[in-house]
C-alpha atoms as a PDB file:
ATOM      1  CA  MET A   1    -109.494  -9.967 -98.114  1.00  0.00           C
ATOM      2  CA  LYS A   2    -109.240 -11.832-101.440  1.00  0.00           C
ATOM      3  CA  ASP A   3    -105.781 -11.267-100.629  1.00  0.00           C
ATOM      4  CA  ILE A   4    -105.211 -13.025 -97.545  1.00  0.00           C
ATOM      5  CA  GLN A   5    -107.013 -16.079 -98.935  1.00  0.00           C
ATOM      6  CA  ARG A   6    -104.988 -16.220-102.552  1.00  0.00           C
ATOM      7  CA  ILE A   7    -101.633 -16.380 -99.759  1.00  0.00           C
ATOM      8  CA  LEU A   8    -103.522 -18.951 -98.001  1.00  0.00           C
ATOM      9  CA  GLU A   9    -104.357 -21.106-101.056  1.00  0.00           C
ATOM     10  CA  LEU A  10    -100.684 -20.445-103.116  1.00  0.00           C
ATOM     11  CA  ASN A  11     -99.054 -22.090 -99.207  1.00  0.00           C
ATOM     12  CA  GLN A  12    -101.321 -24.779 -99.202  1.00  0.00           C
ATOM     13  CA  VAL A  13     -99.805 -25.567-102.562  1.00  0.00           C
ATOM     14  CA  LEU A  14     -96.353 -25.678-101.460  1.00  0.00           C
ATOM     15  CA  TYR A  15     -97.577 -27.741 -97.689  1.00  0.00           C
ATOM     16  CA  ASN A  16     -99.121 -30.200-100.187  1.00  0.00           C
ATOM     17  CA  ARG A  17     -95.734 -30.192-102.648  1.00  0.00           C
ATOM     18  CA  TYR A  18     -93.317 -30.386-100.181  1.00  0.00           C
ATOM     19  CA  ASN A  19     -95.339 -33.217 -97.541  1.00  0.00           C
ATOM     20  CA  THR A  20     -94.889 -30.444 -95.068  1.00  0.00           C
ATOM     21  CA  PRO A  21     -96.537 -30.622 -91.491  1.00  0.00           C
ATOM     22  CA  MET A  22     -99.017 -27.760 -91.107  1.00  0.00           C
ATOM     23  CA  PRO A  23     -97.725 -25.674 -87.746  1.00  0.00           C
ATOM     24  CA  ILE A  24     -99.348 -25.126 -84.877  1.00  0.00           C
ATOM     25  CA  LEU A  25    -100.680 -21.910 -83.548  1.00  0.00           C
ATOM     26  CA  ASP A  26     -98.895 -21.663 -79.567  1.00  0.00           C
ATOM     27  CA  GLU A  27     -99.013 -17.756 -78.670  1.00  0.00           C
ATOM     28  CA  PHE A  28    -100.275 -14.409 -80.075  1.00  0.00           C
ATOM     29  CA  ILE A  29     -98.476 -11.505 -79.142  1.00  0.00           C
ATOM     30  CA  PHE A  30     -99.861  -7.311 -79.367  1.00  0.00           C
ATOM     31  CA  GLY A  31     -96.165  -5.821 -79.010  1.00  0.00           C
ATOM     32  CA  PHE A  32     -95.381  -1.607 -78.506  1.00  0.00           C
ATOM     33  CA  LYS A  33     -94.718  -1.823 -82.368  1.00  0.00           C
ATOM     34  CA  TRP A  34     -95.036  -6.076 -83.690  1.00  0.00           C
ATOM     35  CA  ALA A  35     -98.253  -7.502 -83.466  1.00  0.00           C
ATOM     36  CA  MET A  36     -96.372 -11.742 -83.370  1.00  0.00           C
ATOM     37  CA  ALA A  37     -97.411 -14.751 -84.100  1.00  0.00           C
ATOM     38  CA  ILE A  38     -95.774 -18.145 -82.828  1.00  0.00           C
ATOM     39  CA  ASP A  39     -96.064 -21.379 -83.644  1.00  0.00           C
ATOM     40  CA  SER A  40     -95.678 -24.913 -81.414  1.00  0.00           C
ATOM     41  CA  ASN A  41     -91.811 -24.667 -82.958  1.00  0.00           C
ATOM     42  CA  ARG A  42     -90.777 -21.525 -81.615  1.00  0.00           C
ATOM     43  CA  ASN A  43     -91.150 -19.339 -85.325  1.00  0.00           C
ATOM     44  CA  ILE A  44     -92.130 -16.669 -84.984  1.00  0.00           C
ATOM     45  CA  SER A  45     -93.961 -13.801 -87.347  1.00  0.00           C
ATOM     46  CA  PHE A  46     -94.512  -9.906 -87.942  1.00  0.00           C
ATOM     47  CA  ALA A  47     -97.191  -7.514 -88.729  1.00  0.00           C
ATOM     48  CA  LEU A  48     -96.446  -3.863 -88.016  1.00  0.00           C
ATOM     49  CA  ARG A  49     -99.019  -2.519 -85.793  1.00  0.00           C
ATOM     50  CA  ILE A  50    -100.051   0.203 -88.365  1.00  0.00           C
ATOM     51  CA  GLY A  51    -103.997  -1.179 -89.714  1.00  0.00           C
ATOM     52  CA  LYS A  52    -107.289  -1.029 -88.089  1.00  0.00           C
ATOM     53  CA  GLU A  53    -107.547  -2.653 -84.160  1.00  0.00           C
ATOM     54  CA  ARG A  54    -110.153  -3.252 -81.919  1.00  0.00           C
ATOM     55  CA  PRO A  55    -108.776  -2.750 -78.291  1.00  0.00           C
ATOM     56  CA  VAL A  56    -106.626  -5.414 -77.745  1.00  0.00           C
ATOM     57  CA  LYS A  57    -108.987  -7.000 -74.699  1.00  0.00           C
ATOM     58  CA  GLU A  58    -111.277  -7.571 -77.483  1.00  0.00           C
ATOM     59  CA  TYR A  59    -109.280  -9.984 -79.370  1.00  0.00           C
ATOM     60  CA  GLU A  60    -108.311 -12.028 -76.750  1.00  0.00           C
ATOM     61  CA  THR A  61    -111.279 -14.407 -76.537  1.00  0.00           C
ATOM     62  CA  VAL A  62    -110.999 -14.609 -80.271  1.00  0.00           C
ATOM     63  CA  ILE A  63    -107.312 -15.287 -80.577  1.00  0.00           C
ATOM     64  CA  GLN A  64    -107.753 -18.017 -77.434  1.00  0.00           C
ATOM     65  CA  SER A  65    -110.451 -19.801 -79.874  1.00  0.00           C
ATOM     66  CA  ILE A  66    -107.789 -21.160 -82.405  1.00  0.00           C
ATOM     67  CA  ILE A  67    -104.734 -21.848 -80.087  1.00  0.00           C
ATOM     68  CA  GLY A  68    -103.863 -25.059 -80.574  1.00  0.00           C
ATOM     69  CA  LYS A  69    -104.621 -25.207 -83.771  1.00  0.00           C
ATOM     70  CA  PRO A  70    -103.426 -25.255 -87.116  1.00  0.00           C
ATOM     71  CA  LEU A  71    -102.433 -22.388 -89.307  1.00  0.00           C
ATOM     72  CA  ASP A  72    -104.605 -22.877 -92.058  1.00  0.00           C
ATOM     73  CA  LYS A  73    -107.302 -23.222 -90.035  1.00  0.00           C
ATOM     74  CA  CYS A  74    -106.541 -20.266 -88.030  1.00  0.00           C
ATOM     75  CA  ILE A  75    -106.720 -18.315 -90.902  1.00  0.00           C
ATOM     76  CA  GLU A  76    -109.841 -20.024 -92.308  1.00  0.00           C
ATOM     77  CA  GLU A  77    -111.418 -18.703 -89.628  1.00  0.00           C
ATOM     78  CA  LEU A  78    -110.593 -15.528 -89.321  1.00  0.00           C
ATOM     79  CA  LEU A  79    -111.443 -14.478 -93.080  1.00  0.00           C
ATOM     80  CA  SER A  80    -114.290 -16.169 -92.289  1.00  0.00           C
ATOM     81  CA  MET A  81    -115.310 -13.197 -89.732  1.00  0.00           C
ATOM     82  CA  ASN A  82    -114.946 -10.679 -93.093  1.00  0.00           C
ATOM     83  CA  ASP A  83    -113.827  -8.463 -90.186  1.00  0.00           C
ATOM     84  CA  GLU A  84    -111.203  -5.771 -91.656  1.00  0.00           C
ATOM     85  CA  THR A  85    -109.909  -5.099 -87.886  1.00  0.00           C
ATOM     86  CA  MET A  86    -108.852  -9.290 -87.891  1.00  0.00           C
ATOM     87  CA  ARG A  87    -105.977  -7.974 -90.687  1.00  0.00           C
ATOM     88  CA  THR A  88    -103.114  -7.859 -88.737  1.00  0.00           C
ATOM     89  CA  VAL A  89    -103.661 -10.836 -86.899  1.00  0.00           C
ATOM     90  CA  LEU A  90    -104.503 -12.493 -90.690  1.00  0.00           C
ATOM     91  CA  VAL A  91    -100.677 -10.885 -92.332  1.00  0.00           C
ATOM     92  CA  ALA A  92     -98.751 -12.406 -89.205  1.00  0.00           C
ATOM     93  CA  LEU A  93    -100.509 -15.321 -89.635  1.00  0.00           C
ATOM     94  CA  SER A  94    -100.191 -15.137 -92.956  1.00  0.00           C
ATOM     95  CA  ASN A  95     -96.376 -15.049 -92.619  1.00  0.00           C
ATOM     96  CA  LEU A  96     -95.838 -17.512 -90.531  1.00  0.00           C
ATOM     97  CA  MET A  97     -97.273 -19.961 -92.414  1.00  0.00           C
ATOM     98  CA  SER A  98     -94.981 -19.356 -95.602  1.00  0.00           C
ATOM     99  CA  LYS A  99     -92.183 -19.071 -93.526  1.00  0.00           C
ATOM    100  CA  PRO A 100     -90.895 -22.591 -93.612  1.00  0.00           C
ATOM    101  CA  PHE A 101     -90.699 -22.719 -97.655  1.00  0.00           C
ATOM    102  CA  ASN A 102     -88.295 -18.912 -97.737  1.00  0.00           C
ATOM    103  CA  LYS A 103     -85.453 -21.145 -97.052  1.00  0.00           C
ATOM    104  CA  PRO A 104     -82.630 -20.819-100.303  1.00  0.00           C
ATOM    105  CA  ASP A 105     -82.534 -24.503-101.569  1.00  0.00           C
ATOM    106  CA  LEU A 106     -86.866 -24.475-101.769  1.00  0.00           C
ATOM    107  CA  LEU A 107     -86.976 -21.035-103.072  1.00  0.00           C
ATOM    108  CA  LYS A 108     -84.527 -22.155-106.240  1.00  0.00           C
ATOM    109  CA  GLU A 109     -86.336 -24.940-107.089  1.00  0.00           C
ATOM    110  CA  ARG A 110     -89.346 -22.199-107.934  1.00  0.00           C
ATOM    111  CA  GLY A 111     -86.694 -20.184-109.704  1.00  0.00           C
ATOM    112  CA  ILE A 112     -86.249 -17.633-107.067  1.00  0.00           C
ATOM    113  CA  SER A 113     -82.909 -16.179-106.298  1.00  0.00           C
ATOM    114  CA  ARG A 114     -82.728 -15.694-102.125  1.00  0.00           C
ATOM    115  CA  SER A 115     -78.576 -13.338-101.734  1.00  0.00           C
ATOM    116  CA  GLU A 116     -78.519 -12.951 -97.377  1.00  0.00           C
ATOM    117  CA  GLY A 117     -78.175  -9.260 -96.306  1.00  0.00           C
ATOM    118  CA  LEU A 118     -79.384  -6.064 -97.520  1.00  0.00           C
ATOM    119  CA  ASN A 119     -77.505  -4.891-100.775  1.00  0.00           C
ATOM    120  CA  PHE A 120     -79.885  -3.496-103.179  1.00  0.00           C
ATOM    121  CA  LYS A 121     -77.519  -3.699-106.027  1.00  0.00           C
ATOM    122  CA  TYR A 122     -79.751  -1.284-107.943  1.00  0.00           C
ATOM    123  CA  GLU A 123     -78.469   2.013-110.476  1.00  0.00           C
ATOM    124  CA  VAL A 124     -80.428   5.026-108.833  1.00  0.00           C
ATOM    125  CA  GLU A 125     -78.617   7.591-110.666  1.00  0.00           C
ATOM    126  CA  GLY A 126     -81.128  10.291-112.666  1.00  0.00           C
ATOM    127  CA  LYS A 127     -83.991   8.050-111.493  1.00  0.00           C
ATOM    128  CA  LYS A 128     -87.258   9.461-109.392  1.00  0.00           C
ATOM    129  CA  VAL A 129     -87.262   7.537-106.485  1.00  0.00           C
ATOM    130  CA  GLY A 130     -90.312   6.748-103.524  1.00  0.00           C
ATOM    131  CA  LEU A 131     -89.500   5.522-100.484  1.00  0.00           C
ATOM    132  CA  ILE A 132     -92.938   4.252 -98.591  1.00  0.00           C
ATOM    133  CA  GLY A 133     -91.584   4.131 -94.863  1.00  0.00           C
ATOM    134  CA  TYR A 134     -88.841   6.332 -94.302  1.00  0.00           C
ATOM    135  CA  GLY A 135     -85.969   4.201 -93.092  1.00  0.00           C
ATOM    136  CA  VAL A 136     -83.780   1.127 -94.311  1.00  0.00           C
ATOM    137  CA  TYR A 137     -83.044   2.106 -97.688  1.00  0.00           C
ATOM    138  CA  ILE A 138     -81.706   6.369 -96.758  1.00  0.00           C
ATOM    139  CA  LYS A 139     -78.233   4.720 -97.448  1.00  0.00           C
ATOM    140  CA  PHE A 140     -78.864   3.977-100.995  1.00  0.00           C
ATOM    141  CA  PHE A 141     -80.628   6.628-102.084  1.00  0.00           C
ATOM    142  CA  LEU A 142     -79.896   9.680-100.550  1.00  0.00           C
ATOM    143  CA  ASN A 143     -77.441  12.709-102.379  1.00  0.00           C
ATOM    144  CA  LYS A 144     -77.524   9.586-105.307  1.00  0.00           C
ATOM    145  CA  CYS A 145     -80.768  10.096-106.875  1.00  0.00           C
ATOM    146  CA  LYS A 146     -82.281  12.458-109.543  1.00  0.00           C
ATOM    147  CA  GLU A 147     -84.653  12.692-107.081  1.00  0.00           C
ATOM    148  CA  PHE A 148     -85.278  11.040-103.456  1.00  0.00           C
ATOM    149  CA  HIS A 149     -89.520  11.328-101.899  1.00  0.00           C
ATOM    150  CA  ALA A 150     -89.584  10.025 -98.653  1.00  0.00           C
ATOM    151  CA  PHE A 151     -93.717   9.041 -97.484  1.00  0.00           C
ATOM    152  CA  ASP A 152     -94.355   8.326 -93.975  1.00  0.00           C
ATOM    153  CA  LEU A 153     -97.409   8.286 -92.107  1.00  0.00           C
ATOM    154  CA  LEU A 154     -95.647   9.840 -89.045  1.00  0.00           C
ATOM    155  CA  PRO A 155     -96.178  14.003 -88.813  1.00  0.00           C
ATOM    156  CA  GLU A 156     -93.864  16.541 -89.611  1.00  0.00           C
ATOM    157  CA  LYS A 157     -92.519  16.341 -85.646  1.00  0.00           C
ATOM    158  CA  GLY A 158     -91.857  12.812 -86.187  1.00  0.00           C
ATOM    159  CA  ILE A 159     -88.971  12.892 -88.204  1.00  0.00           C
ATOM    160  CA  LEU A 160     -87.989  16.736 -89.156  1.00  0.00           C
ATOM    161  CA  SER A 161     -85.762  18.948 -87.102  1.00  0.00           C
ATOM    162  CA  TYR A 162     -86.017  22.630 -87.416  1.00  0.00           C
ATOM    163  CA  ARG A 163     -83.106  24.609 -86.711  1.00  0.00           C
ATOM    164  CA  ILE A 164     -83.209  28.532 -85.941  1.00  0.00           C
ATOM    165  CA  SER A 165     -81.226  30.808 -85.781  1.00  0.00           C
ATOM    166  CA  LYS A 166     -81.239  34.760 -85.070  1.00  0.00           C
ATOM    167  CA  ASN A 167     -82.125  35.454 -89.781  1.00  0.00           C
ATOM    168  CA  ASN A 168     -82.968  32.274 -90.487  1.00  0.00           C
ATOM    169  CA  MET A 169     -84.798  28.819 -89.968  1.00  0.00           C
ATOM    170  CA  GLU A 170     -83.669  25.702 -91.443  1.00  0.00           C
ATOM    171  CA  VAL A 171     -85.361  21.965 -92.543  1.00  0.00           C
ATOM    172  CA  TYR A 172     -82.770  18.837 -91.829  1.00  0.00           C
ATOM    173  CA  PRO A 173     -82.533  16.059 -93.602  1.00  0.00           C
ATOM    174  CA  LYS A 174     -81.468  17.265 -96.526  1.00  0.00           C
ATOM    175  CA  SER A 175     -82.115  16.713-100.094  1.00  0.00           C
ATOM    176  CA  VAL A 176     -85.111  15.008 -99.596  1.00  0.00           C
ATOM    177  CA  TYR A 177     -88.819  15.646-100.751  1.00  0.00           C
ATOM    178  CA  PHE A 178     -90.758  14.826 -97.868  1.00  0.00           C
ATOM    179  CA  HIS A 179     -94.523  14.328 -97.394  1.00  0.00           C
ATOM    180  CA  LEU A 180     -95.461  13.277 -94.448  1.00  0.00           C
ATOM    181  CA  GLY A 181     -98.445  12.819 -92.156  1.00  0.00           C
ATOM    182  CA  ASP A 182    -100.778  11.332 -95.181  1.00  0.00           C
ATOM    183  CA  ASP A 183    -101.365   8.566 -97.140  1.00  0.00           C
ATOM    184  CA  ALA A 184     -98.787   8.309-100.069  1.00  0.00           C
ATOM    185  CA  LEU A 185    -102.253   7.678-102.193  1.00  0.00           C
ATOM    186  CA  ASN A 186    -102.633  11.301-101.747  1.00  0.00           C
ATOM    187  CA  HIS A 187     -99.875  12.005-103.598  1.00  0.00           C
ATOM    188  CA  LYS A 188    -100.522  10.618-106.921  1.00  0.00           C
ATOM    189  CA  ASP A 189     -99.191  13.072-108.996  1.00  0.00           C
ATOM    190  CA  VAL A 190     -95.540  12.169-107.333  1.00  0.00           C
ATOM    191  CA  LEU A 191     -96.315   8.009-107.468  1.00  0.00           C
ATOM    192  CA  LYS A 192     -96.364   7.973-111.495  1.00  0.00           C
ATOM    193  CA  GLU A 193     -93.727   9.900-112.309  1.00  0.00           C
ATOM    194  CA  LEU A 194     -91.508   7.767-110.016  1.00  0.00           C
ATOM    195  CA  ASP A 195     -88.792   5.450-111.327  1.00  0.00           C
ATOM    196  CA  ILE A 196     -88.389   2.939-108.513  1.00  0.00           C
ATOM    197  CA  ILE A 197     -90.567   2.227-105.509  1.00  0.00           C
ATOM    198  CA  ILE A 198     -90.121   0.673-102.594  1.00  0.00           C
ATOM    199  CA  MET A 199     -92.487   0.138-100.030  1.00  0.00           C
ATOM    200  CA  SER A 200     -92.465  -0.812 -96.127  1.00  0.00           C
ATOM    201  CA  GLY A 201     -94.393  -4.416 -95.666  1.00  0.00           C
ATOM    202  CA  SER A 202     -96.573  -2.614 -94.051  1.00  0.00           C
ATOM    203  CA  THR A 203     -98.818  -1.523 -96.405  1.00  0.00           C
ATOM    204  CA  LEU A 204     -99.579  -4.759 -96.771  1.00  0.00           C
ATOM    205  CA  VAL A 205    -101.104  -4.445 -92.985  1.00  0.00           C
ATOM    206  CA  ASN A 206    -103.303  -1.027 -93.880  1.00  0.00           C
ATOM    207  CA  ASN A 207    -104.007  -2.496 -97.270  1.00  0.00           C
ATOM    208  CA  SER A 208    -102.883   0.059 -99.637  1.00  0.00           C
ATOM    209  CA  TYR A 209    -100.243  -2.236-101.368  1.00  0.00           C
ATOM    210  CA  LEU A 210    -101.765  -2.122-104.513  1.00  0.00           C
ATOM    211  CA  ASP A 211    -103.169   0.634-104.742  1.00  0.00           C
ATOM    212  CA  ILE A 212     -99.719   2.232-104.583  1.00  0.00           C
ATOM    213  CA  LEU A 213     -98.163  -0.032-106.756  1.00  0.00           C
ATOM    214  CA  LYS A 214    -100.760   0.802-109.756  1.00  0.00           C
ATOM    215  CA  ALA A 215     -99.944   4.481-108.794  1.00  0.00           C
ATOM    216  CA  CYS A 216     -96.580   4.003-110.214  1.00  0.00           C
ATOM    217  CA  PRO A 217     -97.101   2.552-113.518  1.00  0.00           C
ATOM    218  CA  LYS A 218     -93.630   3.729-114.884  1.00  0.00           C
ATOM    219  CA  ALA A 219     -91.364   2.254-111.932  1.00  0.00           C
ATOM    220  CA  LYS A 220     -89.245  -0.447-113.519  1.00  0.00           C
ATOM    221  CA  ILE A 221     -87.737  -1.407-109.719  1.00  0.00           C
ATOM    222  CA  ARG A 222     -90.988  -2.233-107.752  1.00  0.00           C
ATOM    223  CA  GLY A 223     -89.982  -3.488-104.251  1.00  0.00           C
ATOM    224  CA  ILE A 224     -91.514  -4.044-100.764  1.00  0.00           C
ATOM    225  CA  TYR A 225     -89.053  -5.007 -97.562  1.00  0.00           C
ATOM    226  CA  GLY A 226     -89.552  -5.935 -93.673  1.00  0.00           C
ATOM    227  CA  PRO A 227     -90.098  -8.002 -91.365  1.00  0.00           C
ATOM    228  CA  SER A 228     -94.326  -7.239 -93.010  1.00  0.00           C
ATOM    229  CA  ASN A 229     -94.026  -9.320 -95.693  1.00  0.00           C
ATOM    230  CA  GLU A 230     -92.626 -12.462 -94.869  1.00  0.00           C
ATOM    231  CA  LEU A 231     -95.176 -13.980 -96.875  1.00  0.00           C
ATOM    232  CA  CYS A 232     -95.585 -16.479-100.586  1.00  0.00           C
ATOM    233  CA  PRO A 233     -93.620 -14.423-102.428  1.00  0.00           C
ATOM    234  CA  GLU A 234     -94.779 -16.001-105.410  1.00  0.00           C
ATOM    235  CA  TYR A 235     -98.129 -14.173-104.683  1.00  0.00           C
ATOM    236  CA  LEU A 236     -95.957 -10.587-104.076  1.00  0.00           C
ATOM    237  CA  PHE A 237     -94.220 -11.476-107.562  1.00  0.00           C
ATOM    238  CA  ASP A 238     -97.796 -12.379-109.327  1.00  0.00           C
ATOM    239  CA  ALA A 239     -99.110  -9.319-108.028  1.00  0.00           C
ATOM    240  CA  GLY A 240     -96.283  -6.959-109.247  1.00  0.00           C
ATOM    241  CA  TYR A 241     -93.510  -6.553-107.588  1.00  0.00           C
ATOM    242  CA  ASN A 242     -90.121  -7.638-108.925  1.00  0.00           C
ATOM    243  CA  TYR A 243     -87.741  -6.941-105.480  1.00  0.00           C
ATOM    244  CA  ILE A 244     -88.499  -8.278-101.804  1.00  0.00           C
ATOM    245  CA  PHE A 245     -86.378  -7.969 -98.830  1.00  0.00           C
ATOM    246  CA  SER A 246     -87.601  -9.558 -95.992  1.00  0.00           C
ATOM    247  CA  MET A 247     -86.404 -11.277 -92.843  1.00  0.00           C
ATOM    248  CA  THR A 248     -86.584 -13.807 -90.277  1.00  0.00           C
ATOM    249  CA  LEU A 249     -85.237 -14.412 -86.285  1.00  0.00           C
ATOM    250  CA  LYS A 250     -81.909 -15.276 -85.668  1.00  0.00           C
ATOM    251  CA  ASP A 251     -83.357 -16.726 -82.062  1.00  0.00           C
ATOM    252  CA  SER A 252     -86.603 -16.614 -80.968  1.00  0.00           C
ATOM    253  CA  LYS A 253     -86.519 -16.513 -77.174  1.00  0.00           C
ATOM    254  CA  GLU A 254     -83.367 -14.118 -77.204  1.00  0.00           C
ATOM    255  CA  TYR A 255     -85.783 -11.146 -79.224  1.00  0.00           C
ATOM    256  CA  LEU A 256     -88.971 -12.220 -76.916  1.00  0.00           C
ATOM    257  CA  ASP A 257     -87.144 -11.350 -73.827  1.00  0.00           C
ATOM    258  CA  CYS A 258     -86.028  -8.248 -75.481  1.00  0.00           C
ATOM    259  CA  ALA A 259     -89.409  -7.348 -76.459  1.00  0.00           C
ATOM    260  CA  LEU A 260     -90.943  -7.475 -73.825  1.00  0.00           C
ATOM    261  CA  SER A 261     -88.950  -6.644 -71.675  1.00  0.00           C
ATOM    262  CA  ALA A 262     -89.428  -3.376 -69.189  1.00  0.00           C
ATOM    263  CA  ILE A 263     -87.266  -1.211 -71.498  1.00  0.00           C
ATOM    264  CA  PRO A 264     -87.458  -2.794 -74.889  1.00  0.00           C
ATOM    265  CA  ASP A 265     -84.111  -1.348 -76.127  1.00  0.00           C
ATOM    266  CA  PHE A 266     -83.239  -2.834 -79.265  1.00  0.00           C
ATOM    267  CA  LYS A 267     -82.867  -2.880 -82.880  1.00  0.00           C
ATOM    268  CA  THR A 268     -85.358  -5.069 -84.479  1.00  0.00           C
ATOM    269  CA  PHE A 269     -82.838  -5.752 -87.904  1.00  0.00           C
ATOM    270  CA  GLU A 270     -79.739  -6.728 -85.423  1.00  0.00           C
ATOM    271  CA  MET A 271     -81.565  -9.490 -84.502  1.00  0.00           C
ATOM    272  CA  MET A 272     -82.792 -10.976 -87.602  1.00  0.00           C
ATOM    273  CA  ASN A 273     -80.802 -12.653 -90.578  1.00  0.00           C
ATOM    274  CA  LEU A 274     -81.399 -10.547 -93.820  1.00  0.00           C
ATOM    275  CA  TYR A 275     -82.257 -11.413 -96.825  1.00  0.00           C
ATOM    276  CA  GLU A 276     -83.049 -10.218-100.902  1.00  0.00           C
ATOM    277  CA  LEU A 277     -85.531 -11.610-103.025  1.00  0.00           C
ATOM    278  CA  LYS A 278     -85.902 -11.706-107.332  1.00  0.00           C
ATOM    279  CA  LYS A 279     -87.685 -13.971-109.656  1.00  0.00           C
ATOM    280  CA  VAL A 280     -84.418 -15.615-112.205  1.00  0.00           C
ATOM    281  CA  GLU A 281     -84.881 -14.641-114.771  1.00  0.00           C
END
């Protein structure tokens, strides 16, 4: 996992540069959707549970062995295991370690602009657009671009609706080219023609993000979004992205009360402060 190692190194430079104490891992949660790393200051970072995993019980001893240790040491110990089933944990920890340096003033010092909210101020008319992970950006693309391609690992029944009448069957949503229940990399013929590619941070967790980026040589806008990519932005920009959308929790206690309740009925983004990052040219 050379990418996690590189993110660790970049973050260690930032901790030294800003003379910042290394956060201590306090808890780790495998939620019904998200893995969550929590430090002793009650900061929380996420990784979507979409990667290779063991049964959760098998993580107990490993996680307990690193709780109470500085985040960089936690990451180093897990990397030394050379175990892909630890990647979800490592992404969450890397996001947590990156968090202190994603503040507007510190980003500005490093030539990165941060704007609040989700605005996506890019021209899409006449463009072929690809969205990895159907959702979030639909309003920016639907019926506004030349072609809107949506890729998702969910099967058709997880996204599509079929309306059957006496003499006809219609499929909804319309005006979207869907590629469902399959790895986006199995559609390189589509990816190579895209002008814009926006992918979920879950691609970091299942380690497909760099391959997808490489498969989109024509894309002028190359973005990644979601709680799973609260990473050191320098790493993502160096990797070839030029647009990042991420978020951080407004209230950790409120979130955990919802996430661990018997009926976890809440929308993640509503409990987050949203922001977009771009390099200052």
